[in-house]
Amino acid sequence: MILNEKISIKNLLEKLETKHERIAFLVNDREILTGSVSQGDIIRALIDGVSLKVASIEIANLNVITIEDSNNAGNEALELIINEELHAVPIVDKNRKIKSIVNSKKILKETK
């Protein structure tokens, strides 16, 4: 899921719940990847007393693991998900614009 970094934590949480996702990737107004927010990030923020009205970028992981777009990007993302136990990996172009997202849910559906 890709959302604008200005979305409130409350709205982000609602979208995660509605789409049954565990992580959202945040982009700025130019659609450049700026961070990611997982359900765990939200829980930690709430425990720390952060308001649900705060922009999601305020609690985001700013060091997102990405794969640069290439012919082998999907396989590289799959390896990262398995080896690093990640939920999702965005494939980005040289400007950090998200081209696609490989996630564990999609992988599991494809292996059925």
C-alpha atoms as a PDB file:
ATOM      1  CA  MET A   1       0.000   0.000   0.000  1.00  0.00           C
ATOM      2  CA  ILE A   2       1.314   3.416  -0.976  1.00  0.00           C
ATOM      3  CA  LEU A   3       0.045   6.507   0.842  1.00  0.00           C
ATOM      4  CA  ASN A   4       0.987  10.161   1.119  1.00  0.00           C
ATOM      5  CA  GLU A   5       3.313  10.859   4.045  1.00  0.00           C
ATOM      6  CA  LYS A   6       0.923  13.520   5.373  1.00  0.00           C
ATOM      7  CA  ILE A   7      -1.866  11.017   6.122  1.00  0.00           C
ATOM      8  CA  SER A   8      -2.757  10.956   9.802  1.00  0.00           C
ATOM      9  CA  ILE A   9      -1.894   7.900  11.843  1.00  0.00           C
ATOM     10  CA  LYS A  10      -5.622   7.323  12.399  1.00  0.00           C
ATOM     11  CA  ASN A  11      -6.403   7.318   8.668  1.00  0.00           C
ATOM     12  CA  LEU A  12      -3.378   5.146   7.955  1.00  0.00           C
ATOM     13  CA  LEU A  13      -4.496   2.634  10.564  1.00  0.00           C
ATOM     14  CA  GLU A  14      -7.998   2.550   9.052  1.00  0.00           C
ATOM     15  CA  LYS A  15      -6.558   1.884   5.580  1.00  0.00           C
ATOM     16  CA  LEU A  16      -4.273  -0.879   6.875  1.00  0.00           C
ATOM     17  CA  GLU A  17      -7.232  -2.529   8.576  1.00  0.00           C
ATOM     18  CA  THR A  18      -9.541  -2.184   5.569  1.00  0.00           C
ATOM     19  CA  LYS A  19      -6.974  -3.602   3.140  1.00  0.00           C
ATOM     20  CA  HIS A  20      -5.710  -6.244   5.603  1.00  0.00           C
ATOM     21  CA  GLU A  21      -2.136  -4.966   5.201  1.00  0.00           C
ATOM     22  CA  ARG A  22       0.624  -4.856   7.799  1.00  0.00           C
ATOM     23  CA  ILE A  23       2.748  -2.091   6.297  1.00  0.00           C
ATOM     24  CA  ALA A  24       2.323   1.067   4.239  1.00  0.00           C
ATOM     25  CA  PHE A  25       4.960   2.848   2.206  1.00  0.00           C
ATOM     26  CA  LEU A  26       4.872   6.628   2.383  1.00  0.00           C
ATOM     27  CA  VAL A  27       5.588   8.999  -0.470  1.00  0.00           C
ATOM     28  CA  ASN A  28       5.811  12.773  -0.678  1.00  0.00           C
ATOM     29  CA  ASP A  29       3.838  14.985  -3.031  1.00  0.00           C
ATOM     30  CA  ARG A  30       6.284  14.130  -5.854  1.00  0.00           C
ATOM     31  CA  GLU A  31       5.602  10.409  -5.222  1.00  0.00           C
ATOM     32  CA  ILE A  32       9.131   9.771  -3.929  1.00  0.00           C
ATOM     33  CA  LEU A  33       9.456   7.104  -1.227  1.00  0.00           C
ATOM     34  CA  THR A  34      10.075   8.754   2.137  1.00  0.00           C
ATOM     35  CA  GLY A  35       9.388   6.014   4.679  1.00  0.00           C
ATOM     36  CA  SER A  36       7.324   3.072   5.835  1.00  0.00           C
ATOM     37  CA  VAL A  37       4.938   2.523   8.725  1.00  0.00           C
ATOM     38  CA  SER A  38       4.062  -0.910  10.057  1.00  0.00           C
ATOM     39  CA  GLN A  39       1.407  -1.908  12.554  1.00  0.00           C
ATOM     40  CA  GLY A  40       4.224  -2.305  15.067  1.00  0.00           C
ATOM     41  CA  ASP A  41       5.375   1.284  14.470  1.00  0.00           C
ATOM     42  CA  ILE A  42       1.836   2.483  15.194  1.00  0.00           C
ATOM     43  CA  ILE A  43       1.565   0.416  18.377  1.00  0.00           C
ATOM     44  CA  ARG A  44       4.919   1.744  19.663  1.00  0.00           C
ATOM     45  CA  ALA A  45       3.857   5.330  18.856  1.00  0.00           C
ATOM     46  CA  LEU A  46       0.564   4.922  20.714  1.00  0.00           C
ATOM     47  CA  ILE A  47       2.346   3.442  23.735  1.00  0.00           C
ATOM     48  CA  ASP A  48       4.607   6.519  23.671  1.00  0.00           C
ATOM     49  CA  GLY A  49       1.523   8.784  23.685  1.00  0.00           C
ATOM     50  CA  VAL A  50       1.661  10.023  20.094  1.00  0.00           C
ATOM     51  CA  SER A  51      -1.633  11.488  18.891  1.00  0.00           C
ATOM     52  CA  LEU A  52      -3.594   9.707  16.161  1.00  0.00           C
ATOM     53  CA  LYS A  53      -3.813  13.101  14.431  1.00  0.00           C
ATOM     54  CA  VAL A  54      -0.058  13.248  13.772  1.00  0.00           C
ATOM     55  CA  ALA A  55       1.183  12.801  10.196  1.00  0.00           C
ATOM     56  CA  SER A  56       2.392   9.261   9.601  1.00  0.00           C
ATOM     57  CA  ILE A  57       5.825  10.434   8.482  1.00  0.00           C
ATOM     58  CA  GLU A  58       6.454  11.469  12.106  1.00  0.00           C
ATOM     59  CA  ILE A  59       6.549   7.809  13.211  1.00  0.00           C
ATOM     60  CA  ALA A  60       7.889   6.303   9.978  1.00  0.00           C
ATOM     61  CA  ASN A  61      10.959   4.197   9.417  1.00  0.00           C
ATOM     62  CA  LEU A  62      12.979   6.478   7.151  1.00  0.00           C
ATOM     63  CA  ASN A  63      15.512   3.770   6.190  1.00  0.00           C
ATOM     64  CA  VAL A  64      13.317   1.594   4.001  1.00  0.00           C
ATOM     65  CA  ILE A  65      14.917  -1.481   2.470  1.00  0.00           C
ATOM     66  CA  THR A  66      14.327  -1.275  -1.276  1.00  0.00           C
ATOM     67  CA  ILE A  67      15.335  -3.014  -4.492  1.00  0.00           C
ATOM     68  CA  GLU A  68      16.190  -0.971  -7.564  1.00  0.00           C
ATOM     69  CA  ASP A  69      14.062  -1.843 -10.577  1.00  0.00           C
ATOM     70  CA  SER A  70      15.722  -4.407 -12.871  1.00  0.00           C
ATOM     71  CA  ASN A  71      14.897  -7.634 -14.689  1.00  0.00           C
ATOM     72  CA  ASN A  72      15.711  -9.586 -11.520  1.00  0.00           C
ATOM     73  CA  ALA A  73      14.138  -7.184  -9.004  1.00  0.00           C
ATOM     74  CA  GLY A  74      11.212  -9.469  -8.155  1.00  0.00           C
ATOM     75  CA  ASN A  75      13.520 -12.373  -7.290  1.00  0.00           C
ATOM     76  CA  GLU A  76      15.804 -10.103  -5.257  1.00  0.00           C
ATOM     77  CA  ALA A  77      12.806  -8.776  -3.329  1.00  0.00           C
ATOM     78  CA  LEU A  78      11.596 -12.326  -2.689  1.00  0.00           C
ATOM     79  CA  GLU A  79      15.014 -13.296  -1.299  1.00  0.00           C
ATOM     80  CA  LEU A  80      14.996 -10.254   0.995  1.00  0.00           C
ATOM     81  CA  ILE A  81      11.517 -11.061   2.272  1.00  0.00           C
ATOM     82  CA  ILE A  82      12.551 -14.629   3.083  1.00  0.00           C
ATOM     83  CA  ASN A  83      16.056 -13.953   4.425  1.00  0.00           C
ATOM     84  CA  GLU A  84      15.267 -10.795   6.390  1.00  0.00           C
ATOM     85  CA  GLU A  85      11.740 -11.860   7.409  1.00  0.00           C
ATOM     86  CA  LEU A  86      10.162  -8.728   5.927  1.00  0.00           C
ATOM     87  CA  HIS A  87       6.489  -8.243   5.106  1.00  0.00           C
ATOM     88  CA  ALA A  88       7.101  -6.280   1.916  1.00  0.00           C
ATOM     89  CA  VAL A  89       9.818  -4.731  -0.243  1.00  0.00           C
ATOM     90  CA  PRO A  90       9.235  -1.873  -2.659  1.00  0.00           C
ATOM     91  CA  ILE A  91      10.896  -1.926  -6.049  1.00  0.00           C
ATOM     92  CA  VAL A  92      11.952   1.620  -6.891  1.00  0.00           C
ATOM     93  CA  ASP A  93      13.420   3.491  -9.833  1.00  0.00           C
ATOM     94  CA  LYS A  94      16.631   5.521  -9.599  1.00  0.00           C
ATOM     95  CA  ASN A  95      14.630   8.482  -8.211  1.00  0.00           C
ATOM     96  CA  ARG A  96      13.084   6.323  -5.427  1.00  0.00           C
ATOM     97  CA  LYS A  97       9.638   6.305  -7.018  1.00  0.00           C
ATOM     98  CA  ILE A  98       7.863   3.049  -6.261  1.00  0.00           C
ATOM     99  CA  LYS A  99       7.343   0.880  -9.343  1.00  0.00           C
ATOM    100  CA  SER A 100       5.831  -2.097  -7.506  1.00  0.00           C
ATOM    101  CA  ILE A 101       5.702  -3.808  -4.136  1.00  0.00           C
ATOM    102  CA  VAL A 102       6.507  -7.445  -3.490  1.00  0.00           C
ATOM    103  CA  ASN A 103       4.853  -8.664  -0.304  1.00  0.00           C
ATOM    104  CA  SER A 104       4.598 -11.932   1.568  1.00  0.00           C
ATOM    105  CA  LYS A 105       0.822 -12.088   1.082  1.00  0.00           C
ATOM    106  CA  LYS A 106       1.168 -12.070  -2.706  1.00  0.00           C
ATOM    107  CA  ILE A 107       3.912 -14.680  -2.556  1.00  0.00           C
ATOM    108  CA  LEU A 108       1.768 -17.006  -0.460  1.00  0.00           C
ATOM    109  CA  LYS A 109      -1.190 -16.627  -2.840  1.00  0.00           C
ATOM    110  CA  GLU A 110       1.025 -17.441  -5.834  1.00  0.00           C
ATOM    111  CA  THR A 111       2.379 -20.627  -4.241  1.00  0.00           C
ATOM    112  CA  LYS A 112      -1.064 -22.115  -3.562  1.00  0.00           C
END
